[in-house]
Amino acid sequence: MAADAGEFGDPPAEVLAEAAAAFGLLASSARLHIMWALAQGESDVSHLADRVGGALPAVSQHLTKLKLAGLVRSRREGRRQVYFVDDPDIVTVVRLMVGQLAVRAEEASAPVRRLRGTTGA
């Protein structure tokens, strides 16, 4: 159950501990990249490894940690294991945070444009 954004009461300690654990897992840039990729759509481990530029065993270990934490789920399709994020709230958090930081980085690297007055009419 999601708390109303207008409520300012403190959440229970168990909720804070669960959130801290989830954020702790997402503190790894490799796992965050995997979550970003899975937020765009489901994938198997070999495609994820190619996309995030990681070794297959490392990506597989990251997926196992994310799966044990309940951030990622999987299903079998023939011989492939397909991974996906089943929680729309996690997808929202990842997209919001990474998206905002990407916009800020783009703005910071954009050349400064100055308005110059013209004297002609």
Protein backbone atom coordinates (compact mmCIF):
# COMPACT_ATOMS: atom_id res chain seq x y z
CA MET A 1 0.00 0.00 0.00
CA ALA A 2 1.51 3.33 -1.04
CA ALA A 3 1.46 6.21 1.41
CA ASP A 4 -0.26 9.41 0.37
CA ALA A 5 2.32 12.03 -0.62
CA GLY A 6 0.44 14.52 1.57
CA GLU A 7 1.06 12.50 4.74
CA PHE A 8 4.06 13.60 6.77
CA GLY A 9 3.98 10.98 9.51
CA ASP A 10 7.02 8.76 9.93
CA PRO A 11 6.76 5.31 8.37
CA PRO A 12 7.31 2.27 10.55
CA ALA A 13 10.89 1.13 11.12
CA GLU A 14 10.26 -2.04 9.10
CA VAL A 15 9.26 0.01 6.06
CA LEU A 16 12.35 2.20 6.36
CA ALA A 17 14.56 -0.89 6.69
CA GLU A 18 13.00 -2.43 3.57
CA ALA A 19 13.43 0.80 1.61
CA ALA A 20 17.06 1.11 2.76
CA ALA A 21 17.74 -2.45 1.64
CA ALA A 22 16.24 -1.76 -1.80
CA PHE A 23 18.19 1.48 -2.17
CA GLY A 24 21.31 -0.34 -0.98
CA LEU A 25 20.96 -2.83 -3.83
CA LEU A 26 20.38 0.00 -6.29
CA ALA A 27 23.51 1.80 -5.03
CA SER A 28 25.57 -0.43 -7.34
CA SER A 29 25.88 1.25 -10.75
CA ALA A 30 25.83 -2.19 -12.42
CA ARG A 31 22.58 -3.21 -10.71
CA LEU A 32 21.06 0.21 -11.34
CA HIS A 33 21.93 -0.13 -15.03
CA ILE A 34 20.30 -3.57 -15.07
CA MET A 35 17.19 -2.15 -13.41
CA TRP A 36 17.14 0.73 -15.91
CA ALA A 37 17.33 -1.75 -18.79
CA LEU A 38 14.60 -3.94 -17.29
CA ALA A 39 12.42 -0.87 -16.70
CA GLN A 40 12.45 -0.50 -20.50
CA GLY A 41 11.32 -4.11 -20.99
CA GLU A 42 12.03 -7.71 -20.11
CA SER A 43 15.23 -9.41 -21.15
CA ASP A 44 17.32 -12.53 -20.72
CA VAL A 45 20.73 -12.47 -19.06
CA SER A 46 22.76 -12.57 -22.29
CA HIS A 47 20.98 -9.55 -23.76
CA LEU A 48 21.30 -7.71 -20.45
CA ALA A 49 25.03 -8.47 -20.32
CA ASP A 50 25.43 -7.07 -23.85
CA ARG A 51 23.37 -3.99 -23.04
CA VAL A 52 25.07 -3.09 -19.76
CA GLY A 53 28.53 -4.16 -20.90
CA GLY A 54 29.01 -6.68 -18.11
CA ALA A 55 30.33 -10.21 -18.05
CA LEU A 56 27.59 -12.83 -18.16
CA PRO A 57 28.44 -14.37 -14.74
CA ALA A 58 28.54 -10.93 -13.07
CA VAL A 59 25.19 -9.88 -14.55
CA SER A 60 23.73 -13.22 -13.50
CA GLN A 61 24.91 -12.65 -9.92
CA HIS A 62 23.43 -9.15 -9.89
CA LEU A 63 20.12 -10.53 -11.16
CA THR A 64 20.14 -13.17 -8.42
CA LYS A 65 20.57 -10.47 -5.75
CA LEU A 66 17.83 -8.32 -7.29
CA LYS A 67 15.56 -11.36 -7.51
CA LEU A 68 16.18 -12.40 -3.89
CA ALA A 69 15.32 -8.85 -2.81
CA GLY A 70 12.05 -9.01 -4.73
CA LEU A 71 12.98 -6.19 -7.13
CA VAL A 72 13.12 -8.48 -10.17
CA ARG A 73 11.19 -11.59 -11.19
CA SER A 74 11.80 -14.15 -13.87
CA ARG A 75 10.01 -16.74 -15.92
CA ARG A 76 11.24 -19.58 -18.05
CA GLU A 77 10.76 -19.44 -21.83
CA GLY A 78 12.12 -22.68 -23.22
CA ARG A 79 15.78 -22.75 -22.25
CA ARG A 80 15.94 -19.02 -21.46
CA GLN A 81 15.25 -17.30 -18.17
CA VAL A 82 13.53 -13.97 -18.88
CA TYR A 83 13.84 -11.23 -16.24
CA PHE A 84 11.47 -8.34 -15.63
CA VAL A 85 10.54 -5.74 -13.04
CA ASP A 86 7.08 -6.59 -11.78
CA ASP A 87 6.68 -3.55 -9.50
CA PRO A 88 5.61 -0.37 -11.31
CA ASP A 89 6.68 1.73 -8.30
CA ILE A 90 10.29 0.50 -8.61
CA VAL A 91 10.21 1.28 -12.33
CA THR A 92 8.94 4.78 -11.52
CA VAL A 93 11.67 5.41 -8.94
CA VAL A 94 14.45 4.19 -11.24
CA ARG A 95 13.17 6.12 -14.26
CA LEU A 96 12.65 9.29 -12.24
CA MET A 97 16.05 9.27 -10.54
CA VAL A 98 18.14 8.25 -13.54
CA GLY A 99 16.10 10.40 -15.92
CA GLN A 100 16.48 13.52 -13.77
CA LEU A 101 20.21 12.98 -13.35
CA ALA A 102 20.62 12.45 -17.10
CA VAL A 103 18.80 15.74 -17.80
CA ARG A 104 20.99 17.57 -15.28
CA ALA A 105 24.16 16.09 -16.78
CA GLU A 106 23.03 17.08 -20.27
CA GLU A 107 22.23 20.63 -19.13
CA ALA A 108 25.60 20.93 -17.38
CA SER A 109 27.50 19.87 -20.49
CA ALA A 110 25.48 22.03 -22.90
CA PRO A 111 27.26 25.16 -24.06
CA VAL A 112 26.11 28.35 -22.39
CA ARG A 113 24.03 30.36 -24.78
CA ARG A 114 23.92 34.06 -24.33
CA LEU A 115 21.31 36.30 -25.77
CA ARG A 116 22.91 39.06 -27.74
CA GLY A 117 21.09 42.23 -28.50
CA THR A 118 20.98 43.30 -32.10
CA THR A 119 21.18 46.88 -33.19
CA GLY A 120 19.33 46.51 -36.43
CA ALA A 121 15.59 46.80 -36.78
